Amino acid sequence: MATKTKAAGLKITLKKSLIGSKEKQIATALSLGLKKIGDTTVQPDNAQTRGKITKISHLVEVTEA
């Protein structure tokens, strides 16, 4: 019988407004599913997600999901 393993994920919350941010930073936030302050999303913990978080690290809060 196969056992279910929980995939490692990152819980990302938008903490600061996107107003005044560069277009690429806004596009990155939107690609993560973050539109307004307080929005939270769970994304897989991989290189692509980590790179996006690095680009907007000053706008988000990241915790292990």
N, C-alpha and C. Protein backbone atom coordinates (compact mmCIF):
# COMPACT_ATOMS: atom_id res chain seq x y z
N MET A 1 0.85 -1.17 0.00
CA MET A 1 0.00 0.00 0.00
C MET A 1 0.89 1.24 0.00
N ALA A 2 0.59 2.17 -0.86
CA ALA A 2 1.37 3.41 -0.95
C ALA A 2 0.97 4.36 0.17
N THR A 3 1.96 5.01 0.71
CA THR A 3 1.68 6.00 1.75
C THR A 3 1.74 7.39 1.15
N LYS A 4 0.93 8.25 1.66
CA LYS A 4 0.93 9.63 1.19
C LYS A 4 2.04 10.40 1.88
N THR A 5 2.83 11.10 1.09
CA THR A 5 3.85 11.96 1.67
C THR A 5 3.46 13.40 1.36
N LYS A 6 3.61 14.22 2.36
CA LYS A 6 3.26 15.62 2.19
C LYS A 6 4.38 16.33 1.44
N ALA A 7 4.06 16.94 0.34
CA ALA A 7 5.05 17.67 -0.43
C ALA A 7 5.48 18.92 0.34
N ALA A 8 6.77 19.18 0.32
CA ALA A 8 7.28 20.35 1.01
C ALA A 8 6.78 21.61 0.30
N GLY A 9 6.29 22.56 1.06
CA GLY A 9 5.78 23.77 0.46
C GLY A 9 6.17 24.99 1.26
N LEU A 10 5.98 26.13 0.65
CA LEU A 10 6.27 27.41 1.28
C LEU A 10 5.00 28.23 1.35
N LYS A 11 4.70 28.77 2.50
CA LYS A 11 3.55 29.65 2.67
C LYS A 11 4.06 31.08 2.51
N ILE A 12 3.55 31.76 1.49
CA ILE A 12 4.02 33.10 1.15
C ILE A 12 2.88 34.09 1.37
N THR A 13 3.16 35.16 2.13
CA THR A 13 2.16 36.18 2.43
C THR A 13 2.69 37.54 1.99
N LEU A 14 1.86 38.28 1.26
CA LEU A 14 2.23 39.64 0.85
C LEU A 14 2.05 40.58 2.02
N LYS A 15 3.12 41.23 2.47
CA LYS A 15 3.09 42.09 3.65
C LYS A 15 3.12 43.57 3.31
N LYS A 16 3.61 43.93 2.13
CA LYS A 16 3.69 45.34 1.74
C LYS A 16 3.00 45.53 0.40
N SER A 17 2.55 46.74 0.15
CA SER A 17 1.82 47.07 -1.06
C SER A 17 2.71 46.98 -2.31
N LEU A 18 2.08 46.65 -3.42
CA LEU A 18 2.78 46.61 -4.70
C LEU A 18 2.86 47.98 -5.36
N ILE A 19 2.16 48.96 -4.80
CA ILE A 19 2.17 50.31 -5.35
C ILE A 19 3.59 50.88 -5.26
N GLY A 20 4.08 51.39 -6.37
CA GLY A 20 5.42 51.96 -6.41
C GLY A 20 6.50 50.94 -6.72
N SER A 21 6.12 49.67 -6.81
CA SER A 21 7.10 48.63 -7.16
C SER A 21 7.34 48.62 -8.66
N LYS A 22 8.46 48.06 -9.06
CA LYS A 22 8.77 47.95 -10.48
C LYS A 22 7.83 46.94 -11.13
N GLU A 23 7.64 47.08 -12.45
CA GLU A 23 6.71 46.20 -13.18
C GLU A 23 7.08 44.73 -13.03
N LYS A 24 8.36 44.43 -13.07
CA LYS A 24 8.79 43.03 -12.96
C LYS A 24 8.49 42.47 -11.57
N GLN A 25 8.59 43.30 -10.54
CA GLN A 25 8.26 42.85 -9.18
C GLN A 25 6.77 42.59 -9.05
N ILE A 26 5.96 43.44 -9.64
CA ILE A 26 4.51 43.26 -9.62
C ILE A 26 4.14 41.98 -10.36
N ALA A 27 4.76 41.75 -11.52
CA ALA A 27 4.49 40.55 -12.30
C ALA A 27 4.89 39.29 -11.52
N THR A 28 5.99 39.37 -10.79
CA THR A 28 6.43 38.23 -9.98
C THR A 28 5.43 37.94 -8.88
N ALA A 29 4.95 38.97 -8.19
CA ALA A 29 3.97 38.78 -7.13
C ALA A 29 2.68 38.18 -7.69
N LEU A 30 2.24 38.67 -8.83
CA LEU A 30 1.03 38.14 -9.45
C LEU A 30 1.21 36.68 -9.87
N SER A 31 2.41 36.33 -10.33
CA SER A 31 2.66 34.94 -10.73
C SER A 31 2.62 34.00 -9.54
N LEU A 32 2.88 34.53 -8.36
CA LEU A 32 2.77 33.73 -7.13
C LEU A 32 1.34 33.73 -6.58
N GLY A 33 0.45 34.50 -7.20
CA GLY A 33 -0.94 34.55 -6.75
C GLY A 33 -1.19 35.58 -5.67
N LEU A 34 -0.32 36.59 -5.58
CA LEU A 34 -0.45 37.63 -4.55
C LEU A 34 -0.87 38.93 -5.21
N LYS A 35 -2.06 39.43 -4.84
CA LYS A 35 -2.58 40.64 -5.46
C LYS A 35 -2.68 41.81 -4.49
N LYS A 36 -3.06 41.52 -3.25
CA LYS A 36 -3.21 42.61 -2.29
C LYS A 36 -2.63 42.20 -0.95
N ILE A 37 -2.39 43.18 -0.11
CA ILE A 37 -1.78 42.93 1.20
C ILE A 37 -2.60 41.90 1.97
N GLY A 38 -1.92 40.92 2.53
CA GLY A 38 -2.58 39.90 3.31
C GLY A 38 -2.87 38.63 2.53
N ASP A 39 -2.75 38.68 1.21
CA ASP A 39 -2.95 37.47 0.40
C ASP A 39 -1.89 36.44 0.75
N THR A 40 -2.31 35.20 0.88
CA THR A 40 -1.41 34.10 1.22
C THR A 40 -1.59 32.97 0.22
N THR A 41 -0.48 32.36 -0.15
CA THR A 41 -0.51 31.23 -1.07
C THR A 41 0.53 30.21 -0.63
N VAL A 42 0.28 28.95 -0.97
CA VAL A 42 1.25 27.89 -0.69
C VAL A 42 1.82 27.44 -2.03
N GLN A 43 3.13 27.53 -2.15
CA GLN A 43 3.82 27.17 -3.38
C GLN A 43 4.81 26.05 -3.10
N PRO A 44 5.14 25.26 -4.11
CA PRO A 44 6.14 24.19 -3.91
C PRO A 44 7.51 24.78 -3.61
N ASP A 45 8.28 24.08 -2.80
CA ASP A 45 9.62 24.53 -2.44
C ASP A 45 10.60 24.03 -3.50
N ASN A 46 10.82 24.85 -4.53
CA ASN A 46 11.76 24.49 -5.58
C ASN A 46 12.55 25.73 -6.00
N ALA A 47 13.47 25.55 -6.92
CA ALA A 47 14.36 26.64 -7.33
C ALA A 47 13.60 27.82 -7.95
N GLN A 48 12.56 27.53 -8.73
CA GLN A 48 11.81 28.60 -9.38
C GLN A 48 11.10 29.47 -8.35
N THR A 49 10.47 28.83 -7.38
CA THR A 49 9.75 29.58 -6.34
C THR A 49 10.73 30.38 -5.50
N ARG A 50 11.85 29.77 -5.15
CA ARG A 50 12.87 30.48 -4.34
C ARG A 50 13.39 31.70 -5.08
N GLY A 51 13.57 31.60 -6.39
CA GLY A 51 14.03 32.74 -7.18
C GLY A 51 13.03 33.87 -7.19
N LYS A 52 11.75 33.53 -7.31
CA LYS A 52 10.70 34.55 -7.28
C LYS A 52 10.67 35.25 -5.92
N ILE A 53 10.80 34.46 -4.86
CA ILE A 53 10.79 35.03 -3.51
C ILE A 53 11.97 35.98 -3.33
N THR A 54 13.12 35.63 -3.88
CA THR A 54 14.30 36.48 -3.76
C THR A 54 14.06 37.83 -4.41
N LYS A 55 13.38 37.85 -5.55
CA LYS A 55 13.11 39.10 -6.27
C LYS A 55 12.20 40.05 -5.50
N ILE A 56 11.28 39.49 -4.69
CA ILE A 56 10.35 40.35 -3.95
C ILE A 56 10.43 40.10 -2.45
N SER A 57 11.61 39.74 -1.96
CA SER A 57 11.77 39.38 -0.55
C SER A 57 11.41 40.52 0.39
N HIS A 58 11.55 41.76 -0.07
CA HIS A 58 11.22 42.91 0.77
C HIS A 58 9.71 43.16 0.87
N LEU A 59 8.92 42.43 0.10
CA LEU A 59 7.47 42.62 0.09
C LEU A 59 6.72 41.46 0.75
N VAL A 60 7.38 40.33 0.94
CA VAL A 60 6.69 39.12 1.40
C VAL A 60 7.29 38.55 2.68
N GLU A 61 6.49 37.69 3.31
CA GLU A 61 6.93 36.91 4.47
C GLU A 61 6.76 35.45 4.10
N VAL A 62 7.80 34.66 4.34
CA VAL A 62 7.79 33.25 3.92
C VAL A 62 7.95 32.36 5.15
N THR A 63 7.09 31.32 5.24
CA THR A 63 7.21 30.31 6.29
C THR A 63 7.05 28.94 5.64
N GLU A 64 7.52 27.92 6.35
CA GLU A 64 7.36 26.54 5.87
C GLU A 64 5.90 26.13 6.04
N ALA A 65 5.36 25.48 5.03
CA ALA A 65 3.95 25.05 5.11
C ALA A 65 3.87 23.60 5.53
